[in-house]
């Protein structure tokens, strides 16, 4: 797997292309690996999900990053090739909200970190984090929190906070 330096957070992945002699009427539950008849491998560009896609509930399943060997004092060390994003809490994917670990500067929290299979996130600490968290909690069962969701969306609009949480809340309010 190669790293693509042109697109922020994207990478090139090799995907197998199969030769299939099956017709549309064939129904197969599972195909053994030796019967897949791989014709070639095609390189495709994999991009991270947009905030709109995160708001719609999409989740990206990707494999672990490749590693490189680096010579450190005569020893070869293996290090992984992660893509790093600096985001606020409203932009952090939903599945990572419970995986945030604080990074301290002395006795106060400087920022949070979260990692999934390929991406590392540095979550900047903002004064609006409590409101963003509350909006995320309200969206778990939105029908009981309509007025609070409306107030929190207005608050985030007033403070120019953008991310999947606000998009999902706005989509919910538009459906009412």
N, C-alpha and C. Protein backbone atom coordinates (compact mmCIF):
# COMPACT_ATOMS: atom_id res chain seq x y z
N UNK A 1 0.85 -1.17 0.00
CA UNK A 1 0.00 0.00 0.00
C UNK A 1 0.90 1.24 0.00
N UNK A 2 0.58 2.18 -0.84
CA UNK A 2 1.35 3.41 -0.95
C UNK A 2 0.59 4.56 -0.32
N UNK A 3 1.33 5.53 0.14
CA UNK A 3 0.69 6.72 0.69
C UNK A 3 0.56 7.75 -0.42
N UNK A 4 -0.61 8.31 -0.56
CA UNK A 4 -0.85 9.33 -1.57
C UNK A 4 -0.69 10.69 -0.90
N UNK A 5 0.28 11.47 -1.35
CA UNK A 5 0.57 12.75 -0.72
C UNK A 5 -0.29 13.88 -1.27
N UNK A 6 -1.08 13.62 -2.32
CA UNK A 6 -1.86 14.68 -2.94
C UNK A 6 -3.18 14.95 -2.22
N UNK A 7 -3.80 13.94 -1.61
CA UNK A 7 -5.10 14.10 -0.97
C UNK A 7 -4.96 13.88 0.52
N UNK A 8 -5.45 14.83 1.30
CA UNK A 8 -5.32 14.79 2.75
C UNK A 8 -6.11 13.62 3.33
N UNK A 9 -5.42 12.67 3.97
CA UNK A 9 -6.08 11.55 4.62
C UNK A 9 -6.41 10.38 3.72
N UNK A 10 -6.12 10.47 2.43
CA UNK A 10 -6.43 9.37 1.53
C UNK A 10 -5.19 8.51 1.31
N UNK A 11 -5.42 7.31 0.84
CA UNK A 11 -4.31 6.41 0.56
C UNK A 11 -4.71 5.48 -0.59
N UNK A 12 -3.71 4.87 -1.20
CA UNK A 12 -3.96 3.97 -2.32
C UNK A 12 -3.95 2.55 -1.80
N UNK A 13 -4.95 1.77 -2.22
CA UNK A 13 -5.10 0.40 -1.78
C UNK A 13 -5.25 -0.50 -3.00
N UNK A 14 -4.70 -1.70 -2.93
CA UNK A 14 -4.80 -2.66 -4.02
C UNK A 14 -5.98 -3.60 -3.74
N UNK A 15 -6.95 -3.64 -4.66
CA UNK A 15 -8.17 -4.43 -4.51
C UNK A 15 -8.17 -5.54 -5.57
N UNK A 16 -8.42 -6.80 -5.17
CA UNK A 16 -8.46 -7.88 -6.17
C UNK A 16 -9.70 -7.79 -7.06
N UNK A 17 -9.52 -8.05 -8.34
CA UNK A 17 -10.61 -8.08 -9.31
C UNK A 17 -10.81 -9.55 -9.67
N UNK A 18 -12.05 -10.03 -9.54
CA UNK A 18 -12.35 -11.44 -9.75
C UNK A 18 -12.93 -11.69 -11.14
N UNK A 19 -12.60 -12.85 -11.69
CA UNK A 19 -13.23 -13.34 -12.90
C UNK A 19 -14.39 -14.21 -12.45
N UNK A 20 -15.58 -13.94 -12.91
CA UNK A 20 -16.73 -14.71 -12.49
C UNK A 20 -17.43 -15.30 -13.70
N UNK A 21 -17.64 -16.62 -13.66
CA UNK A 21 -18.39 -17.29 -14.72
C UNK A 21 -19.83 -17.52 -14.31
N UNK A 22 -20.22 -16.98 -13.14
CA UNK A 22 -21.57 -17.19 -12.65
C UNK A 22 -22.54 -16.27 -13.38
N UNK A 23 -23.75 -16.74 -13.56
CA UNK A 23 -24.79 -15.90 -14.13
C UNK A 23 -25.58 -15.29 -12.99
N UNK A 24 -26.48 -14.38 -13.30
CA UNK A 24 -27.26 -13.71 -12.27
C UNK A 24 -28.21 -14.67 -11.56
N UNK A 25 -28.51 -15.84 -12.16
CA UNK A 25 -29.41 -16.78 -11.50
C UNK A 25 -28.70 -17.66 -10.49
N UNK A 26 -27.36 -17.68 -10.54
CA UNK A 26 -26.60 -18.47 -9.56
C UNK A 26 -26.66 -17.78 -8.21
N UNK A 27 -26.91 -18.56 -7.19
CA UNK A 27 -26.92 -18.02 -5.82
C UNK A 27 -25.86 -18.77 -5.04
N UNK A 28 -24.88 -18.05 -4.53
CA UNK A 28 -23.79 -18.66 -3.79
C UNK A 28 -23.68 -18.00 -2.43
N UNK A 29 -23.64 -18.81 -1.40
CA UNK A 29 -23.53 -18.27 -0.05
C UNK A 29 -22.08 -17.95 0.26
N UNK A 30 -21.19 -18.88 -0.05
CA UNK A 30 -19.78 -18.62 0.17
C UNK A 30 -18.96 -19.26 -0.94
N UNK A 31 -17.87 -18.62 -1.28
CA UNK A 31 -16.98 -19.11 -2.33
C UNK A 31 -15.63 -19.39 -1.69
N UNK A 32 -15.10 -20.59 -1.84
CA UNK A 32 -13.77 -20.86 -1.27
C UNK A 32 -12.71 -20.01 -1.97
N UNK A 33 -11.66 -19.63 -1.24
CA UNK A 33 -10.65 -18.72 -1.81
C UNK A 33 -10.02 -19.23 -3.10
N UNK A 34 -9.80 -20.54 -3.25
CA UNK A 34 -9.18 -21.05 -4.47
C UNK A 34 -10.10 -20.94 -5.69
N UNK A 35 -11.39 -20.76 -5.47
CA UNK A 35 -12.34 -20.66 -6.57
C UNK A 35 -12.63 -19.22 -6.99
N UNK A 36 -12.00 -18.26 -6.34
CA UNK A 36 -12.27 -16.85 -6.65
C UNK A 36 -11.75 -16.42 -8.01
N UNK A 37 -10.71 -17.07 -8.50
CA UNK A 37 -10.18 -16.78 -9.83
C UNK A 37 -9.84 -15.29 -9.96
N UNK A 38 -8.89 -14.83 -9.16
CA UNK A 38 -8.48 -13.43 -9.17
C UNK A 38 -7.76 -13.14 -10.49
N UNK A 39 -8.28 -12.17 -11.21
CA UNK A 39 -7.75 -11.80 -12.52
C UNK A 39 -6.59 -10.81 -12.38
N UNK A 40 -6.78 -9.82 -11.53
CA UNK A 40 -5.77 -8.78 -11.37
C UNK A 40 -6.03 -8.02 -10.07
N UNK A 41 -5.11 -7.16 -9.71
CA UNK A 41 -5.30 -6.26 -8.58
C UNK A 41 -5.37 -4.84 -9.13
N UNK A 42 -6.40 -4.10 -8.73
CA UNK A 42 -6.60 -2.74 -9.19
C UNK A 42 -6.32 -1.79 -8.04
N UNK A 43 -5.54 -0.75 -8.30
CA UNK A 43 -5.24 0.25 -7.27
C UNK A 43 -6.33 1.32 -7.28
N UNK A 44 -6.88 1.59 -6.09
CA UNK A 44 -7.91 2.62 -5.97
C UNK A 44 -7.52 3.58 -4.86
N UNK A 45 -8.04 4.78 -4.95
CA UNK A 45 -7.80 5.80 -3.95
C UNK A 45 -8.91 5.73 -2.91
N UNK A 46 -8.54 5.52 -1.65
CA UNK A 46 -9.51 5.45 -0.56
C UNK A 46 -9.46 6.78 0.18
N UNK A 47 -10.62 7.45 0.25
CA UNK A 47 -10.70 8.75 0.90
C UNK A 47 -11.41 8.60 2.24
N UNK A 48 -11.09 9.44 3.22
CA UNK A 48 -11.84 9.39 4.48
C UNK A 48 -13.27 9.88 4.25
N UNK A 49 -14.16 9.48 5.16
CA UNK A 49 -15.56 9.88 5.04
C UNK A 49 -15.72 11.37 5.28
N UNK A 50 -16.66 11.98 4.57
CA UNK A 50 -16.96 13.40 4.77
C UNK A 50 -17.84 13.55 6.00
N UNK A 51 -18.01 14.77 6.47
CA UNK A 51 -18.87 15.03 7.63
C UNK A 51 -20.32 14.69 7.30
N UNK A 52 -20.75 14.89 6.07
CA UNK A 52 -22.12 14.54 5.66
C UNK A 52 -22.31 13.02 5.75
N UNK A 53 -21.33 12.25 5.28
CA UNK A 53 -21.43 10.79 5.35
C UNK A 53 -21.43 10.30 6.79
N UNK A 54 -20.63 10.93 7.65
CA UNK A 54 -20.65 10.57 9.07
C UNK A 54 -22.00 10.88 9.68
N UNK A 55 -22.61 12.00 9.30
CA UNK A 55 -23.92 12.38 9.82
C UNK A 55 -24.99 11.38 9.40
N UNK A 56 -24.84 10.80 8.22
CA UNK A 56 -25.81 9.82 7.74
C UNK A 56 -25.61 8.45 8.36
N UNK A 57 -24.55 8.30 9.18
CA UNK A 57 -24.34 7.05 9.90
C UNK A 57 -23.38 6.08 9.24
N UNK A 58 -22.69 6.50 8.19
CA UNK A 58 -21.74 5.62 7.52
C UNK A 58 -20.53 5.39 8.42
N UNK A 59 -19.93 4.24 8.28
CA UNK A 59 -18.71 3.90 9.00
C UNK A 59 -17.74 3.30 8.00
N UNK A 60 -16.50 3.68 8.07
CA UNK A 60 -15.52 3.20 7.11
C UNK A 60 -14.75 2.02 7.70
N UNK A 61 -14.74 0.92 6.97
CA UNK A 61 -14.00 -0.27 7.40
C UNK A 61 -12.77 -0.36 6.52
N UNK A 62 -11.62 -0.22 7.15
CA UNK A 62 -10.36 -0.24 6.41
C UNK A 62 -9.37 -1.12 7.15
N UNK A 63 -8.37 -1.58 6.43
CA UNK A 63 -7.38 -2.43 7.07
C UNK A 63 -6.29 -1.60 7.73
N UNK A 64 -5.48 -2.28 8.53
CA UNK A 64 -4.41 -1.60 9.25
C UNK A 64 -3.41 -0.98 8.26
N UNK A 65 -2.75 0.07 8.67
CA UNK A 65 -1.80 0.71 7.75
C UNK A 65 -0.56 -0.14 7.56
N UNK A 66 0.11 0.10 6.46
CA UNK A 66 1.39 -0.56 6.19
C UNK A 66 2.43 -0.02 7.15
N UNK A 67 3.54 -0.71 7.22
CA UNK A 67 4.62 -0.25 8.08
C UNK A 67 5.88 -0.05 7.26
N UNK A 68 6.76 0.72 7.80
CA UNK A 68 8.07 0.96 7.20
C UNK A 68 9.12 0.64 8.24
N UNK A 69 10.29 0.28 7.78
CA UNK A 69 11.41 0.04 8.68
C UNK A 69 12.30 1.27 8.69
N UNK A 70 12.74 1.64 9.88
CA UNK A 70 13.57 2.82 10.04
C UNK A 70 14.80 2.43 10.84
N UNK A 71 15.95 2.87 10.41
CA UNK A 71 17.19 2.56 11.11
C UNK A 71 17.39 3.54 12.26
N UNK A 72 17.39 3.01 13.49
CA UNK A 72 17.58 3.84 14.68
C UNK A 72 18.77 3.27 15.45
N UNK A 73 19.87 3.99 15.44
CA UNK A 73 21.09 3.58 16.15
C UNK A 73 21.53 2.17 15.76
N UNK A 74 21.47 1.84 14.49
CA UNK A 74 21.90 0.54 14.02
C UNK A 74 20.85 -0.55 14.13
N UNK A 75 19.69 -0.26 14.68
CA UNK A 75 18.61 -1.24 14.79
C UNK A 75 17.47 -0.82 13.87
N UNK A 76 16.85 -1.82 13.25
CA UNK A 76 15.69 -1.51 12.42
C UNK A 76 14.44 -1.52 13.29
N UNK A 77 13.70 -0.43 13.26
CA UNK A 77 12.45 -0.30 14.01
C UNK A 77 11.29 -0.23 13.03
N UNK A 78 10.19 -0.86 13.38
CA UNK A 78 9.01 -0.84 12.54
C UNK A 78 8.08 0.26 13.04
N UNK A 79 7.60 1.11 12.13
CA UNK A 79 6.62 2.11 12.49
C UNK A 79 5.49 2.11 11.48
N UNK A 80 4.28 2.38 11.97
CA UNK A 80 3.08 2.34 11.14
C UNK A 80 2.84 3.69 10.46
N UNK A 81 2.27 3.64 9.30
CA UNK A 81 1.98 4.85 8.52
C UNK A 81 0.53 5.26 8.76
N UNK A 82 0.29 6.12 9.74
CA UNK A 82 -1.05 6.62 10.04
C UNK A 82 -1.27 7.96 9.35
N UNK A 83 -2.53 8.28 9.08
CA UNK A 83 -2.90 9.63 8.66
C UNK A 83 -3.40 10.34 9.91
N UNK A 84 -2.99 11.57 10.12
CA UNK A 84 -3.34 12.31 11.33
C UNK A 84 -4.22 13.49 10.98
N UNK A 85 -5.29 13.66 11.76
CA UNK A 85 -6.22 14.77 11.58
C UNK A 85 -6.28 15.57 12.87
N UNK A 86 -6.38 16.87 12.73
CA UNK A 86 -6.62 17.75 13.87
C UNK A 86 -8.06 18.25 13.73
N UNK A 87 -8.93 17.85 14.67
CA UNK A 87 -10.35 18.13 14.57
C UNK A 87 -10.88 18.65 15.90
N UNK A 88 -12.12 19.13 15.88
CA UNK A 88 -12.80 19.42 17.14
C UNK A 88 -13.75 18.25 17.42
N UNK A 89 -14.39 18.25 18.56
CA UNK A 89 -15.24 17.14 18.97
C UNK A 89 -16.40 16.91 18.01
N UNK A 90 -16.92 17.96 17.41
CA UNK A 90 -18.06 17.83 16.49
C UNK A 90 -17.67 17.10 15.21
N UNK A 91 -16.39 17.05 14.88
CA UNK A 91 -15.93 16.41 13.65
C UNK A 91 -15.39 15.01 13.88
N UNK A 92 -15.19 14.62 15.13
CA UNK A 92 -14.66 13.30 15.45
C UNK A 92 -15.70 12.23 15.16
N UNK A 93 -15.36 11.15 14.43
CA UNK A 93 -16.35 10.10 14.16
C UNK A 93 -16.98 9.56 15.44
N UNK A 94 -18.25 9.23 15.35
CA UNK A 94 -19.05 8.83 16.50
C UNK A 94 -18.46 7.64 17.25
N UNK A 95 -17.91 6.66 16.53
CA UNK A 95 -17.40 5.47 17.20
C UNK A 95 -16.15 5.74 18.04
N UNK A 96 -15.55 6.92 17.89
CA UNK A 96 -14.34 7.24 18.66
C UNK A 96 -14.61 8.12 19.87
N UNK A 97 -15.85 8.54 20.07
CA UNK A 97 -16.16 9.42 21.19
C UNK A 97 -15.81 8.79 22.53
N UNK A 98 -15.98 7.49 22.66
CA UNK A 98 -15.67 6.82 23.92
C UNK A 98 -14.23 6.34 23.99
N UNK A 99 -13.45 6.57 22.96
CA UNK A 99 -12.06 6.11 22.92
C UNK A 99 -11.06 7.26 23.06
N UNK A 100 -11.55 8.43 23.43
CA UNK A 100 -10.66 9.58 23.55
C UNK A 100 -9.83 9.47 24.83
N UNK A 101 -8.54 9.73 24.71
CA UNK A 101 -7.67 9.75 25.88
C UNK A 101 -7.08 11.15 26.02
N UNK A 102 -7.10 11.71 27.21
CA UNK A 102 -6.58 13.06 27.39
C UNK A 102 -5.05 13.09 27.39
N UNK A 103 -4.51 14.17 26.88
CA UNK A 103 -3.07 14.43 26.92
C UNK A 103 -2.89 15.67 27.78
N UNK A 104 -2.12 15.53 28.84
CA UNK A 104 -1.99 16.60 29.83
C UNK A 104 -0.76 17.44 29.58
N UNK A 105 -0.88 18.72 29.89
CA UNK A 105 0.23 19.66 29.91
C UNK A 105 0.32 20.13 31.36
N UNK A 106 1.12 19.44 32.14
CA UNK A 106 1.15 19.72 33.57
C UNK A 106 -0.07 19.11 34.23
N UNK A 107 -0.94 19.95 34.77
CA UNK A 107 -2.13 19.44 35.45
C UNK A 107 -3.42 19.66 34.64
N UNK A 108 -3.33 20.35 33.52
CA UNK A 108 -4.53 20.61 32.72
C UNK A 108 -4.49 19.82 31.41
N UNK A 109 -5.67 19.56 30.86
CA UNK A 109 -5.77 18.82 29.60
C UNK A 109 -5.41 19.75 28.45
N UNK A 110 -4.44 19.33 27.65
CA UNK A 110 -4.03 20.13 26.49
C UNK A 110 -4.90 19.78 25.28
N UNK A 111 -5.08 18.48 25.03
CA UNK A 111 -5.94 18.00 23.94
C UNK A 111 -6.25 16.53 24.21
N UNK A 112 -7.10 15.95 23.34
CA UNK A 112 -7.42 14.53 23.43
C UNK A 112 -6.88 13.82 22.20
N UNK A 113 -6.65 12.51 22.33
CA UNK A 113 -6.22 11.68 21.21
C UNK A 113 -7.20 10.53 21.03
N UNK A 114 -7.39 10.10 19.79
CA UNK A 114 -8.19 8.91 19.49
C UNK A 114 -7.62 8.30 18.21
N UNK A 115 -7.66 6.96 18.15
CA UNK A 115 -7.10 6.26 17.01
C UNK A 115 -8.04 5.14 16.58
N UNK A 116 -8.24 5.01 15.28
CA UNK A 116 -8.90 3.82 14.76
C UNK A 116 -7.89 3.09 13.90
N UNK A 117 -8.32 2.23 13.03
CA UNK A 117 -7.39 1.36 12.30
C UNK A 117 -6.33 2.12 11.50
N UNK A 118 -6.68 3.20 10.87
CA UNK A 118 -5.73 3.88 10.00
C UNK A 118 -5.51 5.35 10.35
N UNK A 119 -6.45 5.95 11.05
CA UNK A 119 -6.40 7.38 11.30
C UNK A 119 -6.16 7.70 12.76
N UNK A 120 -5.32 8.70 12.99
CA UNK A 120 -5.11 9.24 14.33
C UNK A 120 -5.74 10.62 14.37
N UNK A 121 -6.46 10.88 15.44
CA UNK A 121 -7.15 12.17 15.58
C UNK A 121 -6.60 12.90 16.79
N UNK A 122 -6.30 14.17 16.60
CA UNK A 122 -5.96 15.07 17.70
C UNK A 122 -7.18 15.97 17.86
N UNK A 123 -7.84 15.84 19.01
CA UNK A 123 -9.09 16.57 19.23
C UNK A 123 -8.78 17.80 20.07
N UNK A 124 -8.92 18.95 19.44
CA UNK A 124 -8.66 20.21 20.12
C UNK A 124 -9.73 20.46 21.18
N UNK A 125 -9.31 20.87 22.33
CA UNK A 125 -10.21 21.20 23.44
C UNK A 125 -10.79 22.60 23.18
N UNK A 126 -12.14 22.70 23.13
CA UNK A 126 -12.79 23.99 22.89
C UNK A 126 -13.76 24.29 24.03
N UNK A 127 -14.16 25.54 24.19
CA UNK A 127 -15.13 25.88 25.24
C UNK A 127 -16.54 25.36 24.92
N UNK A 128 -16.76 24.82 23.73
CA UNK A 128 -18.10 24.36 23.32
C UNK A 128 -18.26 22.84 23.44
N UNK A 129 -17.27 22.15 23.97
CA UNK A 129 -17.30 20.69 24.03
C UNK A 129 -18.49 20.14 24.82
N UNK A 130 -18.86 20.79 25.90
CA UNK A 130 -20.00 20.31 26.70
C UNK A 130 -21.30 20.36 25.90
N UNK A 131 -21.50 21.42 25.13
CA UNK A 131 -22.70 21.54 24.31
C UNK A 131 -22.70 20.50 23.18
N UNK A 132 -21.52 20.25 22.60
CA UNK A 132 -21.42 19.25 21.53
C UNK A 132 -21.73 17.86 22.09
N UNK A 133 -21.18 17.56 23.27
CA UNK A 133 -21.46 16.26 23.90
C UNK A 133 -22.95 16.12 24.21
N UNK A 134 -23.56 17.17 24.73
CA UNK A 134 -24.98 17.11 25.07
C UNK A 134 -25.83 16.90 23.82
N UNK A 135 -25.47 17.56 22.72
CA UNK A 135 -26.19 17.37 21.47
C UNK A 135 -26.06 15.92 21.00
N UNK A 136 -24.87 15.34 21.11
CA UNK A 136 -24.67 13.94 20.76
C UNK A 136 -25.53 13.02 21.61
N UNK A 137 -25.64 13.31 22.91
CA UNK A 137 -26.49 12.51 23.81
C UNK A 137 -27.97 12.65 23.43
N UNK A 138 -28.40 13.86 23.12
CA UNK A 138 -29.80 14.08 22.73
C UNK A 138 -30.15 13.35 21.45
N UNK A 139 -29.20 13.22 20.53
CA UNK A 139 -29.46 12.56 19.26
C UNK A 139 -29.62 11.05 19.40
N UNK A 140 -29.24 10.48 20.55
CA UNK A 140 -29.44 9.05 20.77
C UNK A 140 -30.93 8.71 20.84
N UNK A 141 -31.73 9.63 21.40
CA UNK A 141 -33.19 9.46 21.46
C UNK A 141 -33.82 10.84 21.23
N UNK A 142 -33.82 11.31 19.98
CA UNK A 142 -34.15 12.71 19.69
C UNK A 142 -35.60 13.12 19.91
N UNK A 143 -36.53 12.19 19.86
CA UNK A 143 -37.94 12.60 19.94
C UNK A 143 -38.30 13.21 21.30
N UNK A 144 -37.52 12.92 22.34
CA UNK A 144 -37.80 13.48 23.66
C UNK A 144 -37.04 14.78 23.93
N UNK A 145 -36.16 15.18 23.00
CA UNK A 145 -35.30 16.35 23.23
C UNK A 145 -35.36 17.36 22.10
N UNK A 146 -36.48 17.49 21.44
CA UNK A 146 -36.59 18.34 20.25
C UNK A 146 -36.22 19.79 20.56
N UNK A 147 -36.76 20.36 21.63
CA UNK A 147 -36.48 21.76 21.96
C UNK A 147 -35.01 21.96 22.32
N UNK A 148 -34.46 21.02 23.08
CA UNK A 148 -33.05 21.13 23.46
C UNK A 148 -32.15 20.99 22.24
N UNK A 149 -32.49 20.11 21.31
CA UNK A 149 -31.70 19.95 20.08
C UNK A 149 -31.74 21.24 19.27
N UNK A 150 -32.92 21.86 19.19
CA UNK A 150 -33.06 23.12 18.45
C UNK A 150 -32.18 24.21 19.08
N UNK A 151 -32.18 24.31 20.41
CA UNK A 151 -31.35 25.31 21.10
C UNK A 151 -29.87 25.05 20.89
N UNK A 152 -29.47 23.78 20.96
CA UNK A 152 -28.04 23.45 20.80
C UNK A 152 -27.57 23.69 19.36
N UNK A 153 -28.41 23.39 18.38
CA UNK A 153 -28.05 23.67 16.98
C UNK A 153 -27.89 25.17 16.77
N UNK A 154 -28.79 25.98 17.34
CA UNK A 154 -28.66 27.43 17.24
C UNK A 154 -27.38 27.91 17.92
N UNK A 155 -27.05 27.32 19.07
CA UNK A 155 -25.82 27.68 19.78
C UNK A 155 -24.59 27.37 18.90
N UNK A 156 -24.57 26.18 18.29
CA UNK A 156 -23.44 25.81 17.44
C UNK A 156 -23.37 26.69 16.20
N UNK A 157 -24.54 27.07 15.64
CA UNK A 157 -24.56 28.00 14.50
C UNK A 157 -23.96 29.34 14.89
N UNK A 158 -24.35 29.86 16.06
CA UNK A 158 -23.86 31.15 16.52
C UNK A 158 -22.35 31.16 16.73
N UNK A 159 -21.78 29.99 17.07
CA UNK A 159 -20.35 29.90 17.35
C UNK A 159 -19.55 29.26 16.22
N UNK A 160 -20.17 29.14 15.03
CA UNK A 160 -19.51 28.61 13.83
C UNK A 160 -18.87 27.24 14.06
N UNK A 161 -19.59 26.35 14.74
CA UNK A 161 -19.13 24.98 14.94
C UNK A 161 -19.80 24.11 13.88
N UNK A 162 -18.99 23.36 13.15
CA UNK A 162 -19.50 22.54 12.06
C UNK A 162 -19.01 21.11 12.25
N UNK A 163 -19.82 20.15 11.94
CA UNK A 163 -19.43 18.74 12.02
C UNK A 163 -20.64 17.85 11.86
N UNK A 164 -20.39 16.55 11.90
CA UNK A 164 -21.46 15.58 11.66
C UNK A 164 -22.57 15.69 12.70
N UNK A 165 -22.24 16.06 13.95
CA UNK A 165 -23.26 16.15 15.00
C UNK A 165 -24.29 17.21 14.64
N UNK A 166 -23.81 18.36 14.22
CA UNK A 166 -24.71 19.46 13.85
C UNK A 166 -25.49 19.10 12.59
N UNK A 167 -24.86 18.45 11.62
CA UNK A 167 -25.55 18.06 10.40
C UNK A 167 -26.67 17.07 10.71
N UNK A 168 -26.36 16.07 11.54
CA UNK A 168 -27.38 15.07 11.89
C UNK A 168 -28.54 15.71 12.63
N UNK A 169 -28.24 16.64 13.55
CA UNK A 169 -29.31 17.33 14.28
C UNK A 169 -30.15 18.18 13.34
N UNK A 170 -29.51 18.86 12.41
CA UNK A 170 -30.26 19.67 11.43
C UNK A 170 -31.12 18.79 10.54
N UNK A 171 -30.63 17.63 10.16
CA UNK A 171 -31.42 16.71 9.34
C UNK A 171 -32.63 16.23 10.13
N UNK A 172 -32.45 15.97 11.42
CA UNK A 172 -33.57 15.56 12.27
C UNK A 172 -34.62 16.66 12.35
N UNK A 173 -34.17 17.90 12.57
CA UNK A 173 -35.11 19.02 12.70
C UNK A 173 -35.83 19.29 11.38
N UNK A 174 -35.17 19.08 10.25
CA UNK A 174 -35.80 19.29 8.94
C UNK A 174 -36.92 18.29 8.68
N UNK A 175 -36.82 17.08 9.26
CA UNK A 175 -37.83 16.06 9.05
C UNK A 175 -39.10 16.30 9.88
N UNK A 176 -39.03 17.20 10.86
CA UNK A 176 -40.20 17.46 11.72
C UNK A 176 -41.27 18.25 10.99
